[in-house]
Amino acid sequence: MFLLNDIEKIINEHGSSSILKERLGLIQDKAAEFERKFKLLEAESFILRKDLAEQKVDNARLVAENLDLKVRLDNYEQATHDDPTEEQMEILKLLINSTLRVEQITVQINRVVAAIRLDLEELTDAGLIEIEPALGFEFVSLTRNGRKYLKGLGII
């Protein structure tokens, strides 16, 4: 029996070492797979960090551009009705208390219709008046900005 126990012990030890070798091989394969995944994730992380840095630079550029556009818009809005001509001021003063038809403005100012239409277009572009068509006529009135502008000048 002693001999059988020794043989059985040798077989078990040999079996255990082969199982151990298999398990070590699996562990090594898993470690290699994890290392490959880790390297891929590192590369992806590098690319994402680079993209983020580029996006931050682009965002800063867009913020600066937006600010510049806001300043330019404010300057444009101020410039569009800072200097109305004397003729345009005459039209604005006529509209203080009432809405008038284009024909009525032409008669009261006694100027050529084409010149008055040009002034009306510029005042409309400046946001100081609005022209509303109704009943086959064009009615001209001051806008809120037009009233604010005249009030700022002390006319209203």
N, C-alpha and C. Protein backbone atom coordinates (compact mmCIF):
# COMPACT_ATOMS: atom_id res chain seq x y z
N MET A 1 0.80 -1.20 0.00
CA MET A 1 0.00 0.00 0.00
C MET A 1 0.85 1.27 0.00
N PHE A 2 1.99 1.14 0.65
CA PHE A 2 2.86 2.30 0.75
C PHE A 2 3.29 2.76 -0.64
N LEU A 3 3.58 1.84 -1.51
CA LEU A 3 3.99 2.15 -2.85
C LEU A 3 2.86 2.82 -3.63
N LEU A 4 1.64 2.35 -3.47
CA LEU A 4 0.49 2.95 -4.14
C LEU A 4 0.26 4.39 -3.66
N ASN A 5 0.44 4.62 -2.37
CA ASN A 5 0.29 5.98 -1.84
C ASN A 5 1.33 6.91 -2.46
N ASP A 6 2.55 6.44 -2.59
CA ASP A 6 3.59 7.28 -3.19
C ASP A 6 3.28 7.57 -4.66
N ILE A 7 2.81 6.55 -5.37
CA ILE A 7 2.45 6.73 -6.79
C ILE A 7 1.28 7.72 -6.90
N GLU A 8 0.29 7.52 -6.04
CA GLU A 8 -0.87 8.43 -6.05
C GLU A 8 -0.43 9.87 -5.73
N LYS A 9 0.47 10.01 -4.78
CA LYS A 9 0.98 11.32 -4.39
C LYS A 9 1.72 11.96 -5.57
N ILE A 10 2.54 11.20 -6.29
CA ILE A 10 3.29 11.72 -7.44
C ILE A 10 2.32 12.14 -8.54
N ILE A 11 1.28 11.32 -8.79
CA ILE A 11 0.28 11.65 -9.82
C ILE A 11 -0.45 12.95 -9.44
N ASN A 12 -0.84 13.05 -8.18
CA ASN A 12 -1.55 14.27 -7.72
C ASN A 12 -0.65 15.51 -7.83
N GLU A 13 0.60 15.35 -7.44
CA GLU A 13 1.51 16.49 -7.52
C GLU A 13 1.72 16.89 -8.98
N HIS A 14 1.88 15.91 -9.84
CA HIS A 14 2.06 16.20 -11.26
C HIS A 14 0.81 16.87 -11.83
N GLY A 15 -0.36 16.37 -11.46
CA GLY A 15 -1.63 16.96 -11.89
C GLY A 15 -1.77 18.38 -11.37
N SER A 16 -1.39 18.60 -10.12
CA SER A 16 -1.49 19.94 -9.53
C SER A 16 -0.56 20.90 -10.24
N SER A 17 0.63 20.45 -10.60
CA SER A 17 1.56 21.35 -11.27
C SER A 17 1.07 21.67 -12.67
N SER A 18 0.44 20.74 -13.36
CA SER A 18 -0.08 21.03 -14.70
C SER A 18 -1.29 21.97 -14.60
N ILE A 19 -2.10 21.80 -13.59
CA ILE A 19 -3.23 22.72 -13.37
C ILE A 19 -2.69 24.11 -13.05
N LEU A 20 -1.65 24.12 -12.23
CA LEU A 20 -1.03 25.38 -11.86
C LEU A 20 -0.45 26.08 -13.09
N LYS A 21 0.19 25.32 -13.97
CA LYS A 21 0.73 25.89 -15.19
C LYS A 21 -0.39 26.46 -16.08
N GLU A 22 -1.50 25.73 -16.17
CA GLU A 22 -2.63 26.22 -16.96
C GLU A 22 -3.16 27.53 -16.39
N ARG A 23 -3.31 27.56 -15.09
CA ARG A 23 -3.84 28.77 -14.44
C ARG A 23 -2.87 29.94 -14.61
N LEU A 24 -1.57 29.68 -14.49
CA LEU A 24 -0.59 30.74 -14.70
C LEU A 24 -0.64 31.24 -16.15
N GLY A 25 -0.82 30.35 -17.08
CA GLY A 25 -0.95 30.73 -18.49
C GLY A 25 -2.17 31.62 -18.71
N LEU A 26 -3.31 31.24 -18.10
CA LEU A 26 -4.52 32.05 -18.22
C LEU A 26 -4.32 33.44 -17.60
N ILE A 27 -3.67 33.44 -16.45
CA ILE A 27 -3.41 34.73 -15.77
C ILE A 27 -2.51 35.60 -16.64
N GLN A 28 -1.50 35.00 -17.26
CA GLN A 28 -0.60 35.77 -18.13
C GLN A 28 -1.35 36.30 -19.35
N ASP A 29 -2.24 35.49 -19.93
CA ASP A 29 -3.04 35.94 -21.06
C ASP A 29 -3.94 37.11 -20.67
N LYS A 30 -4.59 37.00 -19.52
CA LYS A 30 -5.45 38.09 -19.03
C LYS A 30 -4.62 39.36 -18.78
N ALA A 31 -3.44 39.20 -18.20
CA ALA A 31 -2.58 40.36 -17.93
C ALA A 31 -2.17 41.04 -19.24
N ALA A 32 -1.84 40.25 -20.26
CA ALA A 32 -1.47 40.82 -21.56
C ALA A 32 -2.67 41.54 -22.18
N GLU A 33 -3.87 40.94 -22.06
CA GLU A 33 -5.08 41.57 -22.59
C GLU A 33 -5.36 42.89 -21.86
N PHE A 34 -5.22 42.90 -20.52
CA PHE A 34 -5.43 44.13 -19.76
C PHE A 34 -4.41 45.19 -20.15
N GLU A 35 -3.17 44.77 -20.40
CA GLU A 35 -2.15 45.74 -20.79
C GLU A 35 -2.47 46.34 -22.16
N ARG A 36 -2.94 45.53 -23.11
CA ARG A 36 -3.34 46.04 -24.42
C ARG A 36 -4.49 47.05 -24.27
N LYS A 37 -5.49 46.68 -23.47
CA LYS A 37 -6.62 47.58 -23.24
C LYS A 37 -6.17 48.87 -22.56
N PHE A 38 -5.25 48.74 -21.61
CA PHE A 38 -4.73 49.92 -20.91
C PHE A 38 -4.03 50.86 -21.88
N LYS A 39 -3.21 50.29 -22.79
CA LYS A 39 -2.51 51.12 -23.77
C LYS A 39 -3.50 51.80 -24.72
N LEU A 40 -4.54 51.08 -25.12
CA LEU A 40 -5.57 51.68 -25.97
C LEU A 40 -6.28 52.83 -25.24
N LEU A 41 -6.61 52.61 -23.99
CA LEU A 41 -7.27 53.65 -23.20
C LEU A 41 -6.36 54.85 -22.99
N GLU A 42 -5.07 54.60 -22.78
CA GLU A 42 -4.12 55.71 -22.65
C GLU A 42 -4.08 56.54 -23.94
N ALA A 43 -4.04 55.85 -25.08
CA ALA A 43 -4.01 56.55 -26.37
C ALA A 43 -5.30 57.35 -26.57
N GLU A 44 -6.44 56.73 -26.25
CA GLU A 44 -7.72 57.43 -26.37
C GLU A 44 -7.77 58.63 -25.43
N SER A 45 -7.28 58.47 -24.23
CA SER A 45 -7.25 59.56 -23.26
C SER A 45 -6.38 60.71 -23.78
N PHE A 46 -5.25 60.39 -24.38
CA PHE A 46 -4.36 61.41 -24.94
C PHE A 46 -5.08 62.19 -26.04
N ILE A 47 -5.75 61.46 -26.93
CA ILE A 47 -6.48 62.10 -28.03
C ILE A 47 -7.60 62.99 -27.48
N LEU A 48 -8.33 62.49 -26.48
CA LEU A 48 -9.42 63.28 -25.91
C LEU A 48 -8.91 64.53 -25.19
N ARG A 49 -7.79 64.41 -24.52
CA ARG A 49 -7.20 65.58 -23.85
C ARG A 49 -6.76 66.62 -24.89
N LYS A 50 -6.18 66.15 -25.98
CA LYS A 50 -5.76 67.04 -27.06
C LYS A 50 -6.98 67.74 -27.65
N ASP A 51 -8.05 66.97 -27.92
CA ASP A 51 -9.28 67.55 -28.45
C ASP A 51 -9.86 68.58 -27.48
N LEU A 52 -9.84 68.27 -26.20
CA LEU A 52 -10.36 69.19 -25.19
C LEU A 52 -9.56 70.49 -25.20
N ALA A 53 -8.26 70.39 -25.28
CA ALA A 53 -7.42 71.59 -25.32
C ALA A 53 -7.75 72.42 -26.56
N GLU A 54 -7.93 71.76 -27.71
CA GLU A 54 -8.28 72.48 -28.93
C GLU A 54 -9.65 73.14 -28.80
N GLN A 55 -10.59 72.43 -28.18
CA GLN A 55 -11.95 72.98 -27.99
C GLN A 55 -11.91 74.19 -27.07
N LYS A 56 -11.06 74.14 -26.04
CA LYS A 56 -10.94 75.28 -25.13
C LYS A 56 -10.39 76.50 -25.86
N VAL A 57 -9.39 76.28 -26.71
CA VAL A 57 -8.82 77.38 -27.49
C VAL A 57 -9.89 77.94 -28.43
N ASP A 58 -10.61 77.05 -29.10
CA ASP A 58 -11.66 77.46 -30.03
C ASP A 58 -12.76 78.21 -29.28
N ASN A 59 -13.13 77.72 -28.10
CA ASN A 59 -14.16 78.37 -27.29
C ASN A 59 -13.72 79.78 -26.88
N ALA A 60 -12.47 79.92 -26.47
CA ALA A 60 -11.96 81.23 -26.08
C ALA A 60 -11.98 82.18 -27.28
N ARG A 61 -11.64 81.67 -28.45
CA ARG A 61 -11.68 82.49 -29.66
C ARG A 61 -13.11 82.92 -29.97
N LEU A 62 -14.06 82.00 -29.83
CA LEU A 62 -15.46 82.32 -30.11
C LEU A 62 -16.02 83.31 -29.08
N VAL A 63 -15.63 83.17 -27.83
CA VAL A 63 -16.07 84.13 -26.81
C VAL A 63 -15.56 85.51 -27.13
N ALA A 64 -14.28 85.60 -27.53
CA ALA A 64 -13.70 86.90 -27.89
C ALA A 64 -14.39 87.47 -29.13
N GLU A 65 -14.65 86.61 -30.10
CA GLU A 65 -15.33 87.06 -31.32
C GLU A 65 -16.75 87.53 -31.00
N ASN A 66 -17.44 86.81 -30.13
CA ASN A 66 -18.79 87.19 -29.72
C ASN A 66 -18.79 88.55 -29.04
N LEU A 67 -17.83 88.76 -28.15
CA LEU A 67 -17.71 90.04 -27.46
C LEU A 67 -17.44 91.16 -28.46
N ASP A 68 -16.56 90.90 -29.41
CA ASP A 68 -16.25 91.89 -30.44
C ASP A 68 -17.50 92.23 -31.25
N LEU A 69 -18.28 91.20 -31.61
CA LEU A 69 -19.50 91.44 -32.38
C LEU A 69 -20.53 92.23 -31.58
N LYS A 70 -20.62 91.95 -30.28
CA LYS A 70 -21.54 92.71 -29.45
C LYS A 70 -21.14 94.18 -29.39
N VAL A 71 -19.84 94.44 -29.25
CA VAL A 71 -19.36 95.83 -29.22
C VAL A 71 -19.64 96.50 -30.56
N ARG A 72 -19.36 95.79 -31.65
CA ARG A 72 -19.61 96.36 -32.97
C ARG A 72 -21.09 96.62 -33.18
N LEU A 73 -21.95 95.72 -32.71
CA LEU A 73 -23.40 95.91 -32.83
C LEU A 73 -23.85 97.12 -32.03
N ASP A 74 -23.36 97.25 -30.81
CA ASP A 74 -23.70 98.42 -30.00
C ASP A 74 -23.26 99.70 -30.70
N ASN A 75 -22.04 99.70 -31.23
CA ASN A 75 -21.54 100.87 -31.95
C ASN A 75 -22.39 101.17 -33.18
N TYR A 76 -22.80 100.10 -33.89
CA TYR A 76 -23.63 100.29 -35.08
C TYR A 76 -24.99 100.87 -34.69
N GLU A 77 -25.59 100.30 -33.64
CA GLU A 77 -26.90 100.79 -33.21
C GLU A 77 -26.83 102.24 -32.79
N GLN A 78 -25.75 102.62 -32.12
CA GLN A 78 -25.60 104.02 -31.72
C GLN A 78 -25.36 104.90 -32.95
N ALA A 79 -24.56 104.42 -33.89
CA ALA A 79 -24.23 105.22 -35.07
C ALA A 79 -25.42 105.39 -36.00
N THR A 80 -26.33 104.40 -36.00
CA THR A 80 -27.44 104.48 -36.94
C THR A 80 -28.40 105.60 -36.62
N HIS A 81 -28.48 106.02 -35.38
CA HIS A 81 -29.37 107.14 -35.09
C HIS A 81 -28.71 108.20 -34.22
N ASP A 82 -27.41 108.33 -34.35
CA ASP A 82 -26.72 109.43 -33.66
C ASP A 82 -26.85 110.72 -34.45
N ASP A 83 -26.83 110.62 -35.75
CA ASP A 83 -26.79 111.84 -36.56
C ASP A 83 -27.86 111.87 -37.65
N PRO A 84 -29.14 111.90 -37.29
CA PRO A 84 -30.13 112.07 -38.36
C PRO A 84 -29.95 113.46 -38.98
N THR A 85 -30.24 113.55 -40.25
CA THR A 85 -30.13 114.84 -40.94
C THR A 85 -31.22 115.78 -40.43
N GLU A 86 -31.11 117.03 -40.79
CA GLU A 86 -32.14 118.01 -40.38
C GLU A 86 -33.50 117.61 -40.93
N GLU A 87 -33.52 117.14 -42.17
CA GLU A 87 -34.78 116.71 -42.79
C GLU A 87 -35.37 115.52 -42.04
N GLN A 88 -34.52 114.58 -41.64
CA GLN A 88 -34.99 113.41 -40.89
C GLN A 88 -35.49 113.83 -39.51
N MET A 89 -34.81 114.79 -38.89
CA MET A 89 -35.29 115.31 -37.59
C MET A 89 -36.66 115.96 -37.75
N GLU A 90 -36.88 116.62 -38.87
CA GLU A 90 -38.18 117.24 -39.14
C GLU A 90 -39.27 116.17 -39.17
N ILE A 91 -38.97 115.06 -39.83
CA ILE A 91 -39.94 113.95 -39.91
C ILE A 91 -40.20 113.39 -38.51
N LEU A 92 -39.14 113.17 -37.75
CA LEU A 92 -39.30 112.63 -36.40
C LEU A 92 -40.16 113.54 -35.53
N LYS A 93 -39.95 114.86 -35.65
CA LYS A 93 -40.74 115.81 -34.85
C LYS A 93 -42.21 115.79 -35.26
N LEU A 94 -42.49 115.58 -36.55
CA LEU A 94 -43.88 115.49 -37.00
C LEU A 94 -44.60 114.29 -36.39
N LEU A 95 -43.85 113.25 -36.13
CA LEU A 95 -44.44 111.99 -35.66
C LEU A 95 -44.56 111.91 -34.14
N ILE A 96 -44.14 112.95 -33.42
CA ILE A 96 -44.18 112.91 -31.96
C ILE A 96 -45.59 112.67 -31.44
N ASN A 97 -46.57 113.36 -31.99
CA ASN A 97 -47.92 113.29 -31.45
C ASN A 97 -48.89 112.47 -32.28
N SER A 98 -48.47 112.02 -33.45
CA SER A 98 -49.44 111.28 -34.28
C SER A 98 -48.75 110.37 -35.28
N THR A 99 -49.54 109.44 -35.78
CA THR A 99 -49.12 108.60 -36.88
C THR A 99 -49.61 109.28 -38.15
N LEU A 100 -48.75 109.36 -39.15
CA LEU A 100 -49.10 110.06 -40.39
C LEU A 100 -48.91 109.15 -41.59
N ARG A 101 -49.67 109.47 -42.65
CA ARG A 101 -49.45 108.79 -43.92
C ARG A 101 -48.25 109.44 -44.61
N VAL A 102 -47.58 108.71 -45.48
CA VAL A 102 -46.42 109.22 -46.19
C VAL A 102 -46.81 110.50 -46.95
N GLU A 103 -47.99 110.51 -47.56
CA GLU A 103 -48.44 111.68 -48.31
C GLU A 103 -48.56 112.91 -47.41
N GLN A 104 -49.05 112.72 -46.19
CA GLN A 104 -49.19 113.84 -45.26
C GLN A 104 -47.81 114.41 -44.89
N ILE A 105 -46.86 113.54 -44.69
CA ILE A 105 -45.49 113.99 -44.37
C ILE A 105 -44.93 114.79 -45.54
N THR A 106 -45.16 114.29 -46.76
CA THR A 106 -44.67 114.97 -47.95
C THR A 106 -45.25 116.39 -48.05
N VAL A 107 -46.53 116.52 -47.79
CA VAL A 107 -47.19 117.83 -47.88
C VAL A 107 -46.66 118.76 -46.78
N GLN A 108 -46.53 118.27 -45.57
CA GLN A 108 -46.12 119.12 -44.45
C GLN A 108 -44.66 119.56 -44.57
N ILE A 109 -43.82 118.72 -45.11
CA ILE A 109 -42.40 119.06 -45.21
C ILE A 109 -42.12 119.78 -46.53
N ASN A 110 -42.96 119.56 -47.54
CA ASN A 110 -42.82 120.20 -48.84
C ASN A 110 -41.48 119.86 -49.50
N ARG A 111 -41.27 118.54 -49.63
CA ARG A 111 -40.07 118.05 -50.31
C ARG A 111 -40.48 117.00 -51.32
N VAL A 112 -39.56 116.65 -52.17
CA VAL A 112 -39.81 115.64 -53.19
C VAL A 112 -40.07 114.29 -52.51
N VAL A 113 -41.04 113.56 -53.03
CA VAL A 113 -41.43 112.27 -52.45
C VAL A 113 -40.25 111.31 -52.39
N ALA A 114 -39.44 111.27 -53.43
CA ALA A 114 -38.29 110.33 -53.47
C ALA A 114 -37.32 110.63 -52.33
N ALA A 115 -37.07 111.91 -52.03
CA ALA A 115 -36.15 112.27 -50.95
C ALA A 115 -36.74 111.88 -49.59
N ILE A 116 -38.04 112.11 -49.45
CA ILE A 116 -38.70 111.74 -48.18
C ILE A 116 -38.69 110.22 -48.01
N ARG A 117 -38.94 109.49 -49.07
CA ARG A 117 -38.91 108.02 -48.99
C ARG A 117 -37.52 107.52 -48.57
N LEU A 118 -36.47 108.13 -49.10
CA LEU A 118 -35.11 107.77 -48.72
C LEU A 118 -34.88 108.04 -47.23
N ASP A 119 -35.33 109.21 -46.76
CA ASP A 119 -35.21 109.52 -45.32
C ASP A 119 -35.99 108.53 -44.47
N LEU A 120 -37.19 108.18 -44.94
CA LEU A 120 -38.03 107.22 -44.19
C LEU A 120 -37.34 105.86 -44.13
N GLU A 121 -36.72 105.47 -45.23
CA GLU A 121 -36.01 104.18 -45.26
C GLU A 121 -34.84 104.18 -44.27
N GLU A 122 -34.08 105.27 -44.25
CA GLU A 122 -32.94 105.36 -43.32
C GLU A 122 -33.41 105.39 -41.87
N LEU A 123 -34.50 106.11 -41.61
CA LEU A 123 -35.04 106.15 -40.24
C LEU A 123 -35.59 104.79 -39.81
N THR A 124 -36.17 104.07 -40.77
CA THR A 124 -36.66 102.71 -40.49
C THR A 124 -35.49 101.79 -40.19
N ASP A 125 -34.43 101.86 -41.02
CA ASP A 125 -33.24 101.04 -40.80
C ASP A 125 -32.60 101.33 -39.45
N ALA A 126 -32.68 102.60 -39.02
CA ALA A 126 -32.11 102.98 -37.73
C ALA A 126 -33.00 102.55 -36.57
N GLY A 127 -34.21 102.07 -36.90
CA GLY A 127 -35.11 101.61 -35.84
C GLY A 127 -35.84 102.75 -35.14
N LEU A 128 -35.87 103.93 -35.75
CA LEU A 128 -36.51 105.08 -35.12
C LEU A 128 -37.98 105.23 -35.51
N ILE A 129 -38.34 104.72 -36.69
CA ILE A 129 -39.74 104.76 -37.13
C ILE A 129 -40.12 103.40 -37.68
N GLU A 130 -41.43 103.22 -37.86
CA GLU A 130 -41.91 102.02 -38.55
C GLU A 130 -42.98 102.44 -39.53
N ILE A 131 -43.06 101.73 -40.63
CA ILE A 131 -44.03 102.01 -41.68
C ILE A 131 -44.94 100.79 -41.78
N GLU A 132 -46.24 101.03 -41.57
CA GLU A 132 -47.22 99.95 -41.62
C GLU A 132 -48.20 100.20 -42.76
N PRO A 133 -48.30 99.27 -43.69
CA PRO A 133 -49.31 99.44 -44.75
C PRO A 133 -50.70 99.05 -44.20
N ALA A 134 -51.70 99.87 -44.54
CA ALA A 134 -53.08 99.57 -44.15
C ALA A 134 -54.03 100.37 -45.04
N LEU A 135 -55.07 99.72 -45.47
CA LEU A 135 -56.12 100.37 -46.26
C LEU A 135 -55.57 101.07 -47.50
N GLY A 136 -54.53 100.53 -48.09
CA GLY A 136 -53.96 101.10 -49.30
C GLY A 136 -53.02 102.27 -49.05
N PHE A 137 -52.75 102.58 -47.79
CA PHE A 137 -51.84 103.68 -47.45
C PHE A 137 -50.67 103.12 -46.64
N GLU A 138 -49.63 103.94 -46.49
CA GLU A 138 -48.52 103.59 -45.63
C GLU A 138 -48.52 104.56 -44.46
N PHE A 139 -48.68 104.01 -43.25
CA PHE A 139 -48.73 104.83 -42.05
C PHE A 139 -47.38 104.79 -41.35
N VAL A 140 -46.89 105.97 -40.99
CA VAL A 140 -45.56 106.11 -40.39
C VAL A 140 -45.73 106.54 -38.94
N SER A 141 -45.01 105.86 -38.04
CA SER A 141 -45.06 106.23 -36.63
C SER A 141 -43.69 106.04 -35.99
N LEU A 142 -43.51 106.70 -34.86
CA LEU A 142 -42.27 106.53 -34.09
C LEU A 142 -42.26 105.16 -33.43
N THR A 143 -41.10 104.57 -33.34
CA THR A 143 -40.94 103.33 -32.56
C THR A 143 -40.59 103.71 -31.13
N ARG A 144 -40.54 102.73 -30.28
CA ARG A 144 -40.12 102.98 -28.90
C ARG A 144 -38.71 103.57 -28.87
N ASN A 145 -37.83 103.03 -29.73
CA ASN A 145 -36.46 103.57 -29.81
C ASN A 145 -36.46 105.01 -30.32
N GLY A 146 -37.37 105.32 -31.26
CA GLY A 146 -37.46 106.68 -31.77
C GLY A 146 -37.88 107.66 -30.68
N ARG A 147 -38.85 107.25 -29.88
CA ARG A 147 -39.29 108.10 -28.76
C ARG A 147 -38.16 108.26 -27.73
N LYS A 148 -37.47 107.17 -27.48
CA LYS A 148 -36.36 107.22 -26.53
C LYS A 148 -35.26 108.14 -27.04
N TYR A 149 -35.00 108.07 -28.34
CA TYR A 149 -33.97 108.93 -28.94
C TYR A 149 -34.36 110.40 -28.80
N LEU A 150 -35.60 110.75 -29.16
CA LEU A 150 -36.06 112.14 -29.06
C LEU A 150 -36.10 112.60 -27.61
N LYS A 151 -36.45 111.71 -26.72
CA LYS A 151 -36.46 112.07 -25.30
C LYS A 151 -35.03 112.34 -24.83
N GLY A 152 -34.09 111.55 -25.31
CA GLY A 152 -32.68 111.76 -24.95
C GLY A 152 -32.15 113.10 -25.44
N LEU A 153 -32.71 113.58 -26.53
CA LEU A 153 -32.31 114.89 -27.06
C LEU A 153 -33.06 116.04 -26.38
N GLY A 154 -34.06 115.69 -25.57
CA GLY A 154 -34.85 116.71 -24.88
C GLY A 154 -35.95 117.29 -25.75
N ILE A 155 -36.27 116.63 -26.86
CA ILE A 155 -37.32 117.13 -27.76
C ILE A 155 -38.69 116.73 -27.23
N ILE A 156 -38.77 115.59 -26.62
CA ILE A 156 -40.05 115.15 -26.03
C ILE A 156 -40.03 115.43 -24.54
